């Protein structure tokens, strides 16, 4: 078995497509094994401390957007991004509440001075979901799940003067809200992002306009499921240097560490002239694949031995793979005279 360089691919592509496909399999498998794609929080004591309040404590009319990919089965009230200490007034948490997404802010002990904006859709199904919350200068809050608005309300309170935390509420021993699951691509903006902006830039690896981006955590500093004990910070990808200090993480093995799960599949093309921007999620999937940048097309599914086991059309950006048994597969996508490859896991 051998693989080709990019020049040889352009010459060889029409003659040996099957060989090229399995070269892709080898390279893709190697890439998945070596590159950390998300950060796992153990639900007990893991959190990231940004070291200062990112959300303005003096101006309640500042617009913001919080975005993240999360994968959790926890039915608890788990903090995604919080600026919260107990006791304290104007505590803020962008969190899972029960099985829903929640934007909460409040004054201690005064229910009339508390707001809770909750989604309709459940997000604690152990599948990757993109979650976002926006607030504009008028205090209008909108919640988004997988790019679709799902909940709204009003928040005109200011923020607590406490460090911004990813994955935990501070000093609340009875309910610390430790996030339990995987998190990736946390972004905080000093703008209220539109629905189109959220939908267009959900997946990691895509280029996007960073105007207004004040903190961005890709969560990919470590080596997946390896000993990462020498790493104690998560890097802010913006020029603002809002790096976060890691607390409680074991940083070894497949939990409480950098891990190889990713919310959107890496997609490559064997057609060098293609410029199609294509992403696929969730991973793992329970039965349906969703495509960003692709409404229709044809897909072939292969097992790890290279046997073609399913041929199916992509309809309305979705592909039903529920008839397959649980396991890892490769998908070959045909669209607009180009061919794309990706790898996915079916979990039943």
C-alpha atoms as a PDB file:
ATOM      1  CA  UNK A   1       0.000   0.000   0.000  1.00  0.00           C
ATOM      2  CA  UNK A   2       1.290   3.426  -0.861  1.00  0.00           C
ATOM      3  CA  UNK A   3      -0.027   6.993  -0.967  1.00  0.00           C
ATOM      4  CA  UNK A   4       0.530   9.796  -3.427  1.00  0.00           C
ATOM      5  CA  UNK A   5       1.623  13.377  -3.168  1.00  0.00           C
ATOM      6  CA  UNK A   6      -0.713  16.142  -4.399  1.00  0.00           C
ATOM      7  CA  UNK A   7       0.842  16.298  -7.877  1.00  0.00           C
ATOM      8  CA  UNK A   8       0.577  12.520  -8.309  1.00  0.00           C
ATOM      9  CA  UNK A   9      -3.012  12.642  -7.090  1.00  0.00           C
ATOM     10  CA  UNK A  10      -3.976  15.030  -9.883  1.00  0.00           C
ATOM     11  CA  UNK A  11      -2.574  12.595 -12.437  1.00  0.00           C
ATOM     12  CA  UNK A  12      -3.710   9.397 -10.768  1.00  0.00           C
ATOM     13  CA  UNK A  13      -7.183  10.305  -9.636  1.00  0.00           C
ATOM     14  CA  UNK A  14      -9.152   9.013 -12.611  1.00  0.00           C
ATOM     15  CA  UNK A  15      -7.172   5.788 -12.890  1.00  0.00           C
ATOM     16  CA  UNK A  16      -7.070   4.491  -9.336  1.00  0.00           C
ATOM     17  CA  UNK A  17      -9.909   6.035  -7.304  1.00  0.00           C
ATOM     18  CA  UNK A  18     -10.247   3.043  -4.954  1.00  0.00           C
ATOM     19  CA  UNK A  19      -6.558   3.077  -4.057  1.00  0.00           C
ATOM     20  CA  UNK A  20      -6.736   6.804  -3.468  1.00  0.00           C
ATOM     21  CA  UNK A  21      -9.752   6.299  -1.231  1.00  0.00           C
ATOM     22  CA  UNK A  22      -7.875   3.858   0.995  1.00  0.00           C
ATOM     23  CA  UNK A  23      -4.871   6.158   1.097  1.00  0.00           C
ATOM     24  CA  UNK A  24      -7.273   8.724   2.462  1.00  0.00           C
ATOM     25  CA  UNK A  25      -8.480   6.190   5.036  1.00  0.00           C
ATOM     26  CA  UNK A  26      -4.941   5.603   6.294  1.00  0.00           C
ATOM     27  CA  UNK A  27      -4.137   9.298   6.492  1.00  0.00           C
ATOM     28  CA  UNK A  28      -7.464  10.160   8.093  1.00  0.00           C
ATOM     29  CA  UNK A  29      -7.072   7.431  10.700  1.00  0.00           C
ATOM     30  CA  UNK A  30      -3.613   8.699  11.567  1.00  0.00           C
ATOM     31  CA  UNK A  31      -4.887  12.249  11.855  1.00  0.00           C
ATOM     32  CA  UNK A  32      -7.758  11.265  14.115  1.00  0.00           C
ATOM     33  CA  UNK A  33      -5.445   9.294  16.379  1.00  0.00           C
ATOM     34  CA  UNK A  34      -2.944  12.075  16.914  1.00  0.00           C
ATOM     35  CA  UNK A  35      -4.899  15.340  17.101  1.00  0.00           C
ATOM     36  CA  UNK A  36      -6.905  16.466  20.135  1.00  0.00           C
ATOM     37  CA  UNK A  37     -10.240  17.872  19.064  1.00  0.00           C
ATOM     38  CA  UNK A  38     -12.133  18.795  22.240  1.00  0.00           C
ATOM     39  CA  UNK A  39     -11.801  19.027  26.018  1.00  0.00           C
ATOM     40  CA  UNK A  40     -13.551  16.565  28.331  1.00  0.00           C
ATOM     41  CA  UNK A  41     -14.877  17.834  31.695  1.00  0.00           C
ATOM     42  CA  UNK A  42     -15.477  15.126  34.307  1.00  0.00           C
ATOM     43  CA  UNK A  43     -18.458  16.761  36.066  1.00  0.00           C
ATOM     44  CA  UNK A  44     -16.672  16.755  39.426  1.00  0.00           C
ATOM     45  CA  UNK A  45     -14.018  19.460  39.664  1.00  0.00           C
ATOM     46  CA  UNK A  46     -12.873  20.414  36.145  1.00  0.00           C
ATOM     47  CA  UNK A  47     -13.119  24.057  35.088  1.00  0.00           C
ATOM     48  CA  UNK A  48     -11.242  26.774  33.211  1.00  0.00           C
ATOM     49  CA  UNK A  49     -10.717  30.132  34.952  1.00  0.00           C
ATOM     50  CA  UNK A  50     -10.248  33.050  32.543  1.00  0.00           C
ATOM     51  CA  UNK A  51      -8.758  35.120  35.370  1.00  0.00           C
ATOM     52  CA  UNK A  52     -10.952  38.203  34.956  1.00  0.00           C
ATOM     53  CA  UNK A  53     -14.527  39.151  34.111  1.00  0.00           C
ATOM     54  CA  UNK A  54     -14.958  39.120  30.336  1.00  0.00           C
ATOM     55  CA  UNK A  55     -18.536  40.374  30.602  1.00  0.00           C
ATOM     56  CA  UNK A  56     -18.614  44.093  31.451  1.00  0.00           C
ATOM     57  CA  UNK A  57     -19.573  44.604  35.119  1.00  0.00           C
ATOM     58  CA  UNK A  58     -20.401  48.312  34.683  1.00  0.00           C
ATOM     59  CA  UNK A  59     -22.458  48.454  31.491  1.00  0.00           C
ATOM     60  CA  UNK A  60     -25.613  46.335  31.367  1.00  0.00           C
ATOM     61  CA  UNK A  61     -26.305  47.416  27.777  1.00  0.00           C
ATOM     62  CA  UNK A  62     -23.258  45.811  26.153  1.00  0.00           C
ATOM     63  CA  UNK A  63     -24.229  43.265  23.451  1.00  0.00           C
ATOM     64  CA  UNK A  64     -22.663  39.800  23.694  1.00  0.00           C
ATOM     65  CA  UNK A  65     -22.748  36.382  22.079  1.00  0.00           C
ATOM     66  CA  UNK A  66     -21.619  33.102  23.645  1.00  0.00           C
ATOM     67  CA  UNK A  67     -21.102  30.060  21.407  1.00  0.00           C
ATOM     68  CA  UNK A  68     -19.932  26.527  22.138  1.00  0.00           C
ATOM     69  CA  UNK A  69     -20.178  22.946  20.941  1.00  0.00           C
ATOM     70  CA  UNK A  70     -21.189  20.642  23.799  1.00  0.00           C
ATOM     71  CA  UNK A  71     -21.744  16.897  24.139  1.00  0.00           C
ATOM     72  CA  UNK A  72     -23.331  15.809  27.417  1.00  0.00           C
ATOM     73  CA  UNK A  73     -25.821  13.374  28.871  1.00  0.00           C
ATOM     74  CA  UNK A  74     -25.994  15.172  32.224  1.00  0.00           C
ATOM     75  CA  UNK A  75     -29.429  16.183  33.437  1.00  0.00           C
ATOM     76  CA  UNK A  76     -27.956  18.513  36.044  1.00  0.00           C
ATOM     77  CA  UNK A  77     -27.614  22.285  35.915  1.00  0.00           C
ATOM     78  CA  UNK A  78     -24.150  22.422  34.340  1.00  0.00           C
ATOM     79  CA  UNK A  79     -22.265  25.631  33.619  1.00  0.00           C
ATOM     80  CA  UNK A  80     -21.023  26.180  30.078  1.00  0.00           C
ATOM     81  CA  UNK A  81     -19.821  29.784  30.501  1.00  0.00           C
ATOM     82  CA  UNK A  82     -20.573  31.551  33.792  1.00  0.00           C
ATOM     83  CA  UNK A  83     -19.712  34.745  35.627  1.00  0.00           C
ATOM     84  CA  UNK A  84     -21.107  33.547  38.928  1.00  0.00           C
ATOM     85  CA  UNK A  85     -20.088  33.434  42.562  1.00  0.00           C
ATOM     86  CA  UNK A  86     -22.103  32.446  45.590  1.00  0.00           C
ATOM     87  CA  UNK A  87     -23.215  34.429  47.472  1.00  0.00           C
ATOM     88  CA  UNK A  88     -23.392  37.434  45.164  1.00  0.00           C
ATOM     89  CA  UNK A  89     -25.685  39.594  43.087  1.00  0.00           C
ATOM     90  CA  UNK A  90     -26.096  39.631  39.314  1.00  0.00           C
ATOM     91  CA  UNK A  91     -24.773  36.111  38.987  1.00  0.00           C
ATOM     92  CA  UNK A  92     -24.782  34.966  35.360  1.00  0.00           C
ATOM     93  CA  UNK A  93     -24.754  31.504  33.853  1.00  0.00           C
ATOM     94  CA  UNK A  94     -25.076  30.166  30.330  1.00  0.00           C
ATOM     95  CA  UNK A  95     -25.781  26.551  31.159  1.00  0.00           C
ATOM     96  CA  UNK A  96     -27.693  23.354  30.717  1.00  0.00           C
ATOM     97  CA  UNK A  97     -30.700  23.310  33.052  1.00  0.00           C
ATOM     98  CA  UNK A  98     -32.219  19.884  33.301  1.00  0.00           C
ATOM     99  CA  UNK A  99     -32.075  18.790  29.674  1.00  0.00           C
ATOM    100  CA  UNK A 100     -32.430  22.294  28.161  1.00  0.00           C
ATOM    101  CA  UNK A 101     -30.254  25.316  27.367  1.00  0.00           C
ATOM    102  CA  UNK A 102     -30.615  28.203  29.840  1.00  0.00           C
ATOM    103  CA  UNK A 103     -29.581  31.875  30.051  1.00  0.00           C
ATOM    104  CA  UNK A 104     -29.892  32.859  33.744  1.00  0.00           C
ATOM    105  CA  UNK A 105     -29.040  35.984  35.698  1.00  0.00           C
ATOM    106  CA  UNK A 106     -30.189  37.070  39.102  1.00  0.00           C
ATOM    107  CA  UNK A 107     -29.923  38.888  42.405  1.00  0.00           C
ATOM    108  CA  UNK A 108     -29.547  36.629  45.410  1.00  0.00           C
ATOM    109  CA  UNK A 109     -32.793  35.914  47.252  1.00  0.00           C
ATOM    110  CA  UNK A 110     -34.993  38.162  45.114  1.00  0.00           C
ATOM    111  CA  UNK A 111     -36.946  36.041  42.590  1.00  0.00           C
ATOM    112  CA  UNK A 112     -38.439  39.142  40.986  1.00  0.00           C
ATOM    113  CA  UNK A 113     -34.909  40.214  40.057  1.00  0.00           C
ATOM    114  CA  UNK A 114     -33.993  36.955  38.352  1.00  0.00           C
ATOM    115  CA  UNK A 115     -34.423  35.954  34.723  1.00  0.00           C
ATOM    116  CA  UNK A 116     -34.330  32.452  33.248  1.00  0.00           C
ATOM    117  CA  UNK A 117     -34.636  31.959  29.490  1.00  0.00           C
ATOM    118  CA  UNK A 118     -34.934  28.276  28.631  1.00  0.00           C
ATOM    119  CA  UNK A 119     -34.906  26.449  25.294  1.00  0.00           C
ATOM    120  CA  UNK A 120     -37.607  24.072  24.111  1.00  0.00           C
ATOM    121  CA  UNK A 121     -35.229  21.490  22.627  1.00  0.00           C
ATOM    122  CA  UNK A 122     -33.334  19.013  24.758  1.00  0.00           C
ATOM    123  CA  UNK A 123     -29.544  19.098  24.427  1.00  0.00           C
ATOM    124  CA  UNK A 124     -28.462  16.405  26.915  1.00  0.00           C
ATOM    125  CA  UNK A 125     -28.765  13.389  24.596  1.00  0.00           C
ATOM    126  CA  UNK A 126     -25.008  12.655  24.496  1.00  0.00           C
ATOM    127  CA  UNK A 127     -24.861  14.101  20.966  1.00  0.00           C
ATOM    128  CA  UNK A 128     -22.896  17.121  19.809  1.00  0.00           C
ATOM    129  CA  UNK A 129     -24.976  20.316  19.765  1.00  0.00           C
ATOM    130  CA  UNK A 130     -23.941  23.824  18.855  1.00  0.00           C
ATOM    131  CA  UNK A 131     -25.400  26.209  21.439  1.00  0.00           C
ATOM    132  CA  UNK A 132     -25.411  30.002  21.340  1.00  0.00           C
ATOM    133  CA  UNK A 133     -26.887  32.841  23.335  1.00  0.00           C
ATOM    134  CA  UNK A 134     -27.026  36.448  22.196  1.00  0.00           C
ATOM    135  CA  UNK A 135     -28.047  39.643  23.992  1.00  0.00           C
ATOM    136  CA  UNK A 136     -28.323  42.981  22.210  1.00  0.00           C
ATOM    137  CA  UNK A 137     -28.055  46.546  23.542  1.00  0.00           C
ATOM    138  CA  UNK A 138     -31.786  46.528  24.357  1.00  0.00           C
ATOM    139  CA  UNK A 139     -31.443  43.416  26.514  1.00  0.00           C
ATOM    140  CA  UNK A 140     -33.173  41.056  24.069  1.00  0.00           C
ATOM    141  CA  UNK A 141     -31.792  37.545  24.550  1.00  0.00           C
ATOM    142  CA  UNK A 142     -32.020  34.827  21.891  1.00  0.00           C
ATOM    143  CA  UNK A 143     -31.027  31.190  22.295  1.00  0.00           C
ATOM    144  CA  UNK A 144     -29.876  29.075  19.357  1.00  0.00           C
ATOM    145  CA  UNK A 145     -29.449  25.300  19.132  1.00  0.00           C
ATOM    146  CA  UNK A 146     -27.677  23.877  16.074  1.00  0.00           C
ATOM    147  CA  UNK A 147     -28.074  27.240  14.360  1.00  0.00           C
ATOM    148  CA  UNK A 148     -31.836  27.521  14.885  1.00  0.00           C
ATOM    149  CA  UNK A 149     -33.391  30.032  17.289  1.00  0.00           C
ATOM    150  CA  UNK A 150     -35.066  28.281  20.224  1.00  0.00           C
ATOM    151  CA  UNK A 151     -36.063  30.690  22.982  1.00  0.00           C
ATOM    152  CA  UNK A 152     -35.967  34.426  23.719  1.00  0.00           C
ATOM    153  CA  UNK A 153     -36.472  36.877  26.575  1.00  0.00           C
ATOM    154  CA  UNK A 154     -35.221  40.071  28.201  1.00  0.00           C
ATOM    155  CA  UNK A 155     -32.099  40.613  30.329  1.00  0.00           C
ATOM    156  CA  UNK A 156     -31.358  44.168  31.481  1.00  0.00           C
ATOM    157  CA  UNK A 157     -29.202  43.291  34.501  1.00  0.00           C
ATOM    158  CA  UNK A 158     -25.489  44.001  34.766  1.00  0.00           C
ATOM    159  CA  UNK A 159     -22.896  41.296  35.480  1.00  0.00           C
ATOM    160  CA  UNK A 160     -21.182  40.248  38.700  1.00  0.00           C
ATOM    161  CA  UNK A 161     -17.584  41.433  39.180  1.00  0.00           C
ATOM    162  CA  UNK A 162     -16.118  37.942  39.233  1.00  0.00           C
ATOM    163  CA  UNK A 163     -13.862  35.934  36.921  1.00  0.00           C
ATOM    164  CA  UNK A 164     -15.479  34.363  33.867  1.00  0.00           C
ATOM    165  CA  UNK A 165     -15.410  30.573  34.216  1.00  0.00           C
ATOM    166  CA  UNK A 166     -15.887  27.774  31.681  1.00  0.00           C
ATOM    167  CA  UNK A 167     -17.417  24.668  33.228  1.00  0.00           C
ATOM    168  CA  UNK A 168     -18.262  25.676  36.825  1.00  0.00           C
ATOM    169  CA  UNK A 169     -19.967  28.155  39.170  1.00  0.00           C
ATOM    170  CA  UNK A 170     -17.604  29.524  41.814  1.00  0.00           C
ATOM    171  CA  UNK A 171     -18.025  29.024  45.567  1.00  0.00           C
ATOM    172  CA  UNK A 172     -21.356  27.191  45.378  1.00  0.00           C
ATOM    173  CA  UNK A 173     -20.530  24.030  47.283  1.00  0.00           C
ATOM    174  CA  UNK A 174     -24.109  22.719  47.221  1.00  0.00           C
ATOM    175  CA  UNK A 175     -24.519  23.132  43.450  1.00  0.00           C
ATOM    176  CA  UNK A 176     -21.202  23.951  41.727  1.00  0.00           C
ATOM    177  CA  UNK A 177     -22.587  23.211  38.269  1.00  0.00           C
ATOM    178  CA  UNK A 178     -19.545  21.287  37.054  1.00  0.00           C
ATOM    179  CA  UNK A 179     -19.964  20.529  33.370  1.00  0.00           C
ATOM    180  CA  UNK A 180     -19.989  16.810  32.580  1.00  0.00           C
ATOM    181  CA  UNK A 181     -19.077  15.985  28.978  1.00  0.00           C
ATOM    182  CA  UNK A 182     -17.145  17.383  26.036  1.00  0.00           C
ATOM    183  CA  UNK A 183     -16.805  20.996  25.037  1.00  0.00           C
ATOM    184  CA  UNK A 184     -15.262  22.599  21.962  1.00  0.00           C
ATOM    185  CA  UNK A 185     -15.008  25.898  20.064  1.00  0.00           C
ATOM    186  CA  UNK A 186     -16.034  28.287  22.851  1.00  0.00           C
ATOM    187  CA  UNK A 187     -16.341  31.795  21.445  1.00  0.00           C
ATOM    188  CA  UNK A 188     -17.337  35.027  23.209  1.00  0.00           C
ATOM    189  CA  UNK A 189     -18.193  38.104  21.149  1.00  0.00           C
ATOM    190  CA  UNK A 190     -18.869  41.718  22.062  1.00  0.00           C
ATOM    191  CA  UNK A 191     -21.611  41.778  19.436  1.00  0.00           C
ATOM    192  CA  UNK A 192     -25.044  40.172  19.134  1.00  0.00           C
ATOM    193  CA  UNK A 193     -24.434  37.692  16.314  1.00  0.00           C
ATOM    194  CA  UNK A 194     -27.214  37.185  13.805  1.00  0.00           C
ATOM    195  CA  UNK A 195     -28.830  33.831  13.054  1.00  0.00           C
ATOM    196  CA  UNK A 196     -27.068  33.721   9.687  1.00  0.00           C
ATOM    197  CA  UNK A 197     -23.676  34.468  11.252  1.00  0.00           C
ATOM    198  CA  UNK A 198     -24.149  31.717  13.822  1.00  0.00           C
ATOM    199  CA  UNK A 199     -25.259  29.169  11.233  1.00  0.00           C
ATOM    200  CA  UNK A 200     -22.528  30.055   8.742  1.00  0.00           C
ATOM    201  CA  UNK A 201     -19.607  29.740  11.175  1.00  0.00           C
ATOM    202  CA  UNK A 202     -20.530  26.911  13.555  1.00  0.00           C
ATOM    203  CA  UNK A 203     -17.953  24.315  12.613  1.00  0.00           C
ATOM    204  CA  UNK A 204     -14.286  24.410  13.644  1.00  0.00           C
ATOM    205  CA  UNK A 205     -11.700  24.975  10.954  1.00  0.00           C
ATOM    206  CA  UNK A 206     -13.827  27.363   8.931  1.00  0.00           C
ATOM    207  CA  UNK A 207     -12.616  30.872   8.185  1.00  0.00           C
ATOM    208  CA  UNK A 208     -14.841  33.654   9.502  1.00  0.00           C
ATOM    209  CA  UNK A 209     -14.848  37.394  10.203  1.00  0.00           C
ATOM    210  CA  UNK A 210     -13.499  37.840  13.742  1.00  0.00           C
ATOM    211  CA  UNK A 211     -14.695  41.436  14.227  1.00  0.00           C
ATOM    212  CA  UNK A 212     -15.990  41.672  17.789  1.00  0.00           C
ATOM    213  CA  UNK A 213     -14.486  38.344  18.902  1.00  0.00           C
ATOM    214  CA  UNK A 214     -13.005  38.865  22.388  1.00  0.00           C
ATOM    215  CA  UNK A 215     -12.217  35.268  23.399  1.00  0.00           C
ATOM    216  CA  UNK A 216     -11.911  32.048  21.383  1.00  0.00           C
ATOM    217  CA  UNK A 217     -10.960  28.644  22.789  1.00  0.00           C
ATOM    218  CA  UNK A 218     -10.376  25.867  20.261  1.00  0.00           C
ATOM    219  CA  UNK A 219      -9.490  23.344  23.006  1.00  0.00           C
ATOM    220  CA  UNK A 220      -6.857  21.551  20.953  1.00  0.00           C
ATOM    221  CA  UNK A 221      -3.562  22.175  22.777  1.00  0.00           C
ATOM    222  CA  UNK A 222      -2.993  18.615  23.963  1.00  0.00           C
ATOM    223  CA  UNK A 223      -2.532  15.170  22.460  1.00  0.00           C
ATOM    224  CA  UNK A 224      -5.763  13.188  22.513  1.00  0.00           C
ATOM    225  CA  UNK A 225      -6.074  10.799  25.508  1.00  0.00           C
ATOM    226  CA  UNK A 226      -2.349  11.078  26.257  1.00  0.00           C
ATOM    227  CA  UNK A 227      -0.374  12.441  29.201  1.00  0.00           C
ATOM    228  CA  UNK A 228      -0.890  16.209  28.981  1.00  0.00           C
ATOM    229  CA  UNK A 229       0.146  17.036  32.547  1.00  0.00           C
ATOM    230  CA  UNK A 230       2.559  19.706  31.312  1.00  0.00           C
ATOM    231  CA  UNK A 231      -0.337  21.783  29.943  1.00  0.00           C
ATOM    232  CA  UNK A 232      -2.167  23.962  32.458  1.00  0.00           C
ATOM    233  CA  UNK A 233      -3.755  26.654  30.289  1.00  0.00           C
ATOM    234  CA  UNK A 234      -6.165  26.841  27.389  1.00  0.00           C
ATOM    235  CA  UNK A 235      -5.168  29.282  24.708  1.00  0.00           C
ATOM    236  CA  UNK A 236      -7.253  32.242  23.601  1.00  0.00           C
ATOM    237  CA  UNK A 237      -6.887  32.445  19.824  1.00  0.00           C
ATOM    238  CA  UNK A 238      -7.589  36.208  19.744  1.00  0.00           C
ATOM    239  CA  UNK A 239      -5.070  38.986  20.311  1.00  0.00           C
ATOM    240  CA  UNK A 240      -6.751  39.734  23.662  1.00  0.00           C
ATOM    241  CA  UNK A 241      -4.778  36.967  25.429  1.00  0.00           C
ATOM    242  CA  UNK A 242      -7.723  35.837  27.575  1.00  0.00           C
ATOM    243  CA  UNK A 243      -5.982  32.549  28.271  1.00  0.00           C
ATOM    244  CA  UNK A 244      -7.649  30.290  30.829  1.00  0.00           C
ATOM    245  CA  UNK A 245      -6.121  28.406  33.752  1.00  0.00           C
ATOM    246  CA  UNK A 246      -7.122  24.738  33.930  1.00  0.00           C
ATOM    247  CA  UNK A 247      -8.277  23.464  37.320  1.00  0.00           C
ATOM    248  CA  UNK A 248      -9.039  19.906  38.421  1.00  0.00           C
ATOM    249  CA  UNK A 249      -8.259  18.176  35.120  1.00  0.00           C
ATOM    250  CA  UNK A 250      -6.536  14.807  35.321  1.00  0.00           C
ATOM    251  CA  UNK A 251      -4.929  15.352  31.891  1.00  0.00           C
ATOM    252  CA  UNK A 252      -4.320  11.668  31.267  1.00  0.00           C
ATOM    253  CA  UNK A 253      -6.519   9.068  29.592  1.00  0.00           C
ATOM    254  CA  UNK A 254      -9.897   9.467  27.904  1.00  0.00           C
ATOM    255  CA  UNK A 255     -11.627  11.612  30.541  1.00  0.00           C
ATOM    256  CA  UNK A 256     -10.805  14.941  32.188  1.00  0.00           C
ATOM    257  CA  UNK A 257      -8.388  15.543  29.325  1.00  0.00           C
ATOM    258  CA  UNK A 258      -7.961  16.536  25.698  1.00  0.00           C
ATOM    259  CA  UNK A 259      -9.763  13.899  23.626  1.00  0.00           C
ATOM    260  CA  UNK A 260     -10.186  13.004  19.972  1.00  0.00           C
ATOM    261  CA  UNK A 261     -13.917  13.662  19.601  1.00  0.00           C
ATOM    262  CA  UNK A 262     -14.895  16.481  17.279  1.00  0.00           C
ATOM    263  CA  UNK A 263     -18.334  18.019  16.649  1.00  0.00           C
ATOM    264  CA  UNK A 264     -17.970  18.431  12.895  1.00  0.00           C
ATOM    265  CA  UNK A 265     -16.294  15.819  10.714  1.00  0.00           C
ATOM    266  CA  UNK A 266     -13.089  16.779   8.944  1.00  0.00           C
ATOM    267  CA  UNK A 267     -13.902  16.614   5.236  1.00  0.00           C
ATOM    268  CA  UNK A 268     -11.316  16.329   2.481  1.00  0.00           C
ATOM    269  CA  UNK A 269     -11.695  16.259  -1.271  1.00  0.00           C
ATOM    270  CA  UNK A 270      -9.793  14.285  -3.875  1.00  0.00           C
ATOM    271  CA  UNK A 271     -10.666  16.954  -6.485  1.00  0.00           C
ATOM    272  CA  UNK A 272      -8.062  19.640  -6.129  1.00  0.00           C
ATOM    273  CA  UNK A 273     -10.130  22.262  -7.951  1.00  0.00           C
ATOM    274  CA  UNK A 274     -13.096  21.992  -5.544  1.00  0.00           C
ATOM    275  CA  UNK A 275     -13.782  24.941  -3.248  1.00  0.00           C
ATOM    276  CA  UNK A 276     -16.966  23.611  -1.661  1.00  0.00           C
ATOM    277  CA  UNK A 277     -17.151  24.492   2.069  1.00  0.00           C
ATOM    278  CA  UNK A 278     -18.642  21.336   3.581  1.00  0.00           C
ATOM    279  CA  UNK A 279     -19.044  20.197   7.186  1.00  0.00           C
ATOM    280  CA  UNK A 280     -20.890  17.237   8.714  1.00  0.00           C
ATOM    281  CA  UNK A 281     -22.226  16.564  12.219  1.00  0.00           C
ATOM    282  CA  UNK A 282     -22.940  15.119  14.782  1.00  0.00           C
ATOM    283  CA  UNK A 283     -20.148  12.735  15.693  1.00  0.00           C
ATOM    284  CA  UNK A 284     -20.993  10.208  17.036  1.00  0.00           C
ATOM    285  CA  UNK A 285     -24.418  10.049  15.429  1.00  0.00           C
ATOM    286  CA  UNK A 286     -27.410   7.984  16.524  1.00  0.00           C
ATOM    287  CA  UNK A 287     -28.744   7.622  12.993  1.00  0.00           C
ATOM    288  CA  UNK A 288     -28.751  10.831  10.935  1.00  0.00           C
ATOM    289  CA  UNK A 289     -25.906  12.895   9.507  1.00  0.00           C
ATOM    290  CA  UNK A 290     -26.443  16.619   8.942  1.00  0.00           C
ATOM    291  CA  UNK A 291     -24.592  18.510   6.215  1.00  0.00           C
ATOM    292  CA  UNK A 292     -23.640  22.183   6.254  1.00  0.00           C
ATOM    293  CA  UNK A 293     -23.024  23.581   2.797  1.00  0.00           C
ATOM    294  CA  UNK A 294     -24.747  20.700   1.025  1.00  0.00           C
ATOM    295  CA  UNK A 295     -28.491  20.361   0.392  1.00  0.00           C
ATOM    296  CA  UNK A 296     -28.385  17.297  -1.825  1.00  0.00           C
ATOM    297  CA  UNK A 297     -26.000  14.768  -3.308  1.00  0.00           C
ATOM    298  CA  UNK A 298     -25.163  11.096  -3.304  1.00  0.00           C
ATOM    299  CA  UNK A 299     -23.287   9.219  -0.582  1.00  0.00           C
ATOM    300  CA  UNK A 300     -21.635   5.817  -0.302  1.00  0.00           C
ATOM    301  CA  UNK A 301     -20.823   4.274   3.077  1.00  0.00           C
ATOM    302  CA  UNK A 302     -17.856   1.908   3.536  1.00  0.00           C
ATOM    303  CA  UNK A 303     -16.850  -0.213   6.513  1.00  0.00           C
ATOM    304  CA  UNK A 304     -13.274  -0.296   7.807  1.00  0.00           C
ATOM    305  CA  UNK A 305     -12.422  -3.147   5.431  1.00  0.00           C
ATOM    306  CA  UNK A 306     -13.362  -0.940   2.488  1.00  0.00           C
ATOM    307  CA  UNK A 307     -16.582  -2.795   1.663  1.00  0.00           C
ATOM    308  CA  UNK A 308     -19.373  -0.627   0.303  1.00  0.00           C
ATOM    309  CA  UNK A 309     -22.378  -1.304   2.521  1.00  0.00           C
ATOM    310  CA  UNK A 310     -24.824   1.518   1.784  1.00  0.00           C
ATOM    311  CA  UNK A 311     -25.699   3.881  -1.064  1.00  0.00           C
ATOM    312  CA  UNK A 312     -28.075   6.702  -0.228  1.00  0.00           C
ATOM    313  CA  UNK A 313     -29.100  10.158  -1.465  1.00  0.00           C
ATOM    314  CA  UNK A 314     -28.644  13.225   0.716  1.00  0.00           C
ATOM    315  CA  UNK A 315     -32.013  14.969   1.061  1.00  0.00           C
ATOM    316  CA  UNK A 316     -32.542  18.393   2.652  1.00  0.00           C
ATOM    317  CA  UNK A 317     -28.996  18.348   4.087  1.00  0.00           C
ATOM    318  CA  UNK A 318     -29.643  15.064   5.913  1.00  0.00           C
ATOM    319  CA  UNK A 319     -28.635  11.429   5.464  1.00  0.00           C
ATOM    320  CA  UNK A 320     -30.290   8.468   7.219  1.00  0.00           C
ATOM    321  CA  UNK A 321     -27.706   5.864   8.318  1.00  0.00           C
ATOM    322  CA  UNK A 322     -29.826   4.355  11.097  1.00  0.00           C
ATOM    323  CA  UNK A 323     -30.007   0.915   9.440  1.00  0.00           C
ATOM    324  CA  UNK A 324     -26.275   0.390  10.002  1.00  0.00           C
ATOM    325  CA  UNK A 325     -24.927  -1.391  13.043  1.00  0.00           C
ATOM    326  CA  UNK A 326     -22.958   0.614  15.575  1.00  0.00           C
ATOM    327  CA  UNK A 327     -19.338   1.229  14.608  1.00  0.00           C
ATOM    328  CA  UNK A 328     -16.947   3.399  12.613  1.00  0.00           C
ATOM    329  CA  UNK A 329     -17.488   4.085   8.912  1.00  0.00           C
ATOM    330  CA  UNK A 330     -16.207   6.112   5.995  1.00  0.00           C
ATOM    331  CA  UNK A 331     -18.482   8.173   3.809  1.00  0.00           C
ATOM    332  CA  UNK A 332     -17.799   9.119   0.200  1.00  0.00           C
ATOM    333  CA  UNK A 333     -19.901  12.069  -1.003  1.00  0.00           C
ATOM    334  CA  UNK A 334     -20.523  13.003  -4.602  1.00  0.00           C
ATOM    335  CA  UNK A 335     -21.669  16.534  -5.384  1.00  0.00           C
ATOM    336  CA  UNK A 336     -21.254  18.919  -8.311  1.00  0.00           C
ATOM    337  CA  UNK A 337     -18.532  16.877 -10.024  1.00  0.00           C
ATOM    338  CA  UNK A 338     -16.490  16.651  -6.820  1.00  0.00           C
ATOM    339  CA  UNK A 339     -15.908  13.808  -4.373  1.00  0.00           C
ATOM    340  CA  UNK A 340     -15.503  14.255  -0.620  1.00  0.00           C
ATOM    341  CA  UNK A 341     -14.430  11.862   2.124  1.00  0.00           C
ATOM    342  CA  UNK A 342     -15.098  11.783   5.871  1.00  0.00           C
ATOM    343  CA  UNK A 343     -15.122   9.380   8.786  1.00  0.00           C
ATOM    344  CA  UNK A 344     -17.925   8.999  11.318  1.00  0.00           C
ATOM    345  CA  UNK A 345     -19.045   6.892  14.279  1.00  0.00           C
ATOM    346  CA  UNK A 346     -22.536   5.425  14.635  1.00  0.00           C
ATOM    347  CA  UNK A 347     -23.465   4.960  18.297  1.00  0.00           C
ATOM    348  CA  UNK A 348     -26.694   3.113  19.151  1.00  0.00           C
END
